[in-house]
Amino acid sequence: MAADCENGPATQQICEQNCASLLQSECAAEYGALLQCAEGEEVTCGPAGFPTVAACADEQDAFIACLN
């Protein structure tokens, strides 16, 4: 939420609901790995306006590949 990305969640409640849903999805393992990696790392806005964690590029790529 602190990064306030254009395409990020609009509210804390939506953010928490999205996280809970993703942890129950078919990509739960990839999402969990991304969350674990991102703990304590800086979240910024990527070129498309989505929250991103530069320190976790591999985990984020694996999560996105799973979603697609």
Protein backbone atom coordinates (compact mmCIF):
# COMPACT_ATOMS: atom_id res chain seq x y z
CA MET A 1 0.00 0.00 0.00
CA ALA A 2 2.85 2.41 0.79
CA ALA A 3 4.09 2.36 -2.81
CA ASP A 4 0.65 3.64 -3.92
CA CYS A 5 0.94 2.12 -7.39
CA GLU A 6 -1.56 3.10 -10.08
CA ASN A 7 -2.64 -0.53 -10.61
CA GLY A 8 -2.16 -1.69 -7.03
CA PRO A 9 -5.01 -2.42 -4.60
CA ALA A 10 -7.24 0.55 -3.80
CA THR A 11 -7.55 -0.17 -0.07
CA GLN A 12 -5.87 -2.21 2.66
CA GLN A 13 -8.98 -4.40 2.87
CA ILE A 14 -8.85 -5.21 -0.86
CA CYS A 15 -5.12 -5.91 -0.55
CA GLU A 16 -5.71 -8.38 2.29
CA GLN A 17 -8.59 -10.07 0.43
CA ASN A 18 -6.45 -10.44 -2.70
CA CYS A 19 -3.59 -11.93 -0.69
CA ALA A 20 -5.88 -14.42 1.03
CA SER A 21 -7.38 -15.47 -2.30
CA LEU A 22 -3.98 -15.88 -3.94
CA LEU A 23 -2.77 -18.03 -1.04
CA GLN A 24 -5.66 -20.41 -1.80
CA SER A 25 -5.20 -20.37 -5.58
CA GLU A 26 -3.44 -22.79 -7.93
CA CYS A 27 -0.45 -20.41 -7.73
CA ALA A 28 -0.26 -20.48 -3.93
CA ALA A 29 3.27 -21.93 -3.84
CA GLU A 30 4.64 -19.29 -6.20
CA TYR A 31 2.79 -16.50 -4.41
CA GLY A 32 4.00 -17.74 -1.02
CA ALA A 33 7.60 -17.76 -2.27
CA LEU A 34 7.18 -14.19 -3.50
CA LEU A 35 5.73 -13.05 -0.17
CA GLN A 36 8.52 -14.74 1.77
CA CYS A 37 11.18 -13.14 -0.42
CA ALA A 38 9.52 -9.71 -0.25
CA GLU A 39 9.44 -9.60 3.57
CA GLY A 40 11.31 -6.44 4.56
CA GLU A 41 12.19 -5.49 0.97
CA GLU A 42 11.26 -2.24 -0.76
CA VAL A 43 8.07 -2.31 -2.83
CA THR A 44 8.02 0.05 -5.80
CA CYS A 45 5.78 0.53 -8.82
CA GLY A 46 6.77 -1.31 -11.98
CA PRO A 47 6.44 0.12 -15.50
CA ALA A 48 2.83 -1.10 -15.79
CA GLY A 49 1.87 0.50 -12.45
CA PHE A 50 1.77 -2.74 -10.45
CA PRO A 51 3.59 -3.19 -7.13
CA THR A 52 6.94 -4.93 -7.61
CA VAL A 53 9.88 -5.99 -5.46
CA ALA A 54 13.16 -5.66 -7.35
CA ALA A 55 14.94 -8.00 -4.92
CA CYS A 56 12.50 -10.78 -5.82
CA ALA A 57 12.45 -10.65 -9.61
CA ASP A 58 12.80 -14.43 -10.02
CA GLU A 59 9.97 -15.17 -7.58
CA GLN A 60 7.76 -12.51 -9.15
CA ASP A 61 8.45 -13.87 -12.65
CA ALA A 62 7.53 -17.40 -11.50
CA PHE A 63 4.30 -16.12 -9.93
CA ILE A 64 3.32 -14.18 -13.06
CA ALA A 65 4.11 -17.18 -15.26
CA CYS A 66 1.83 -19.30 -13.08
CA LEU A 67 -1.01 -16.79 -13.40
CA ASN A 68 -0.68 -16.71 -17.17
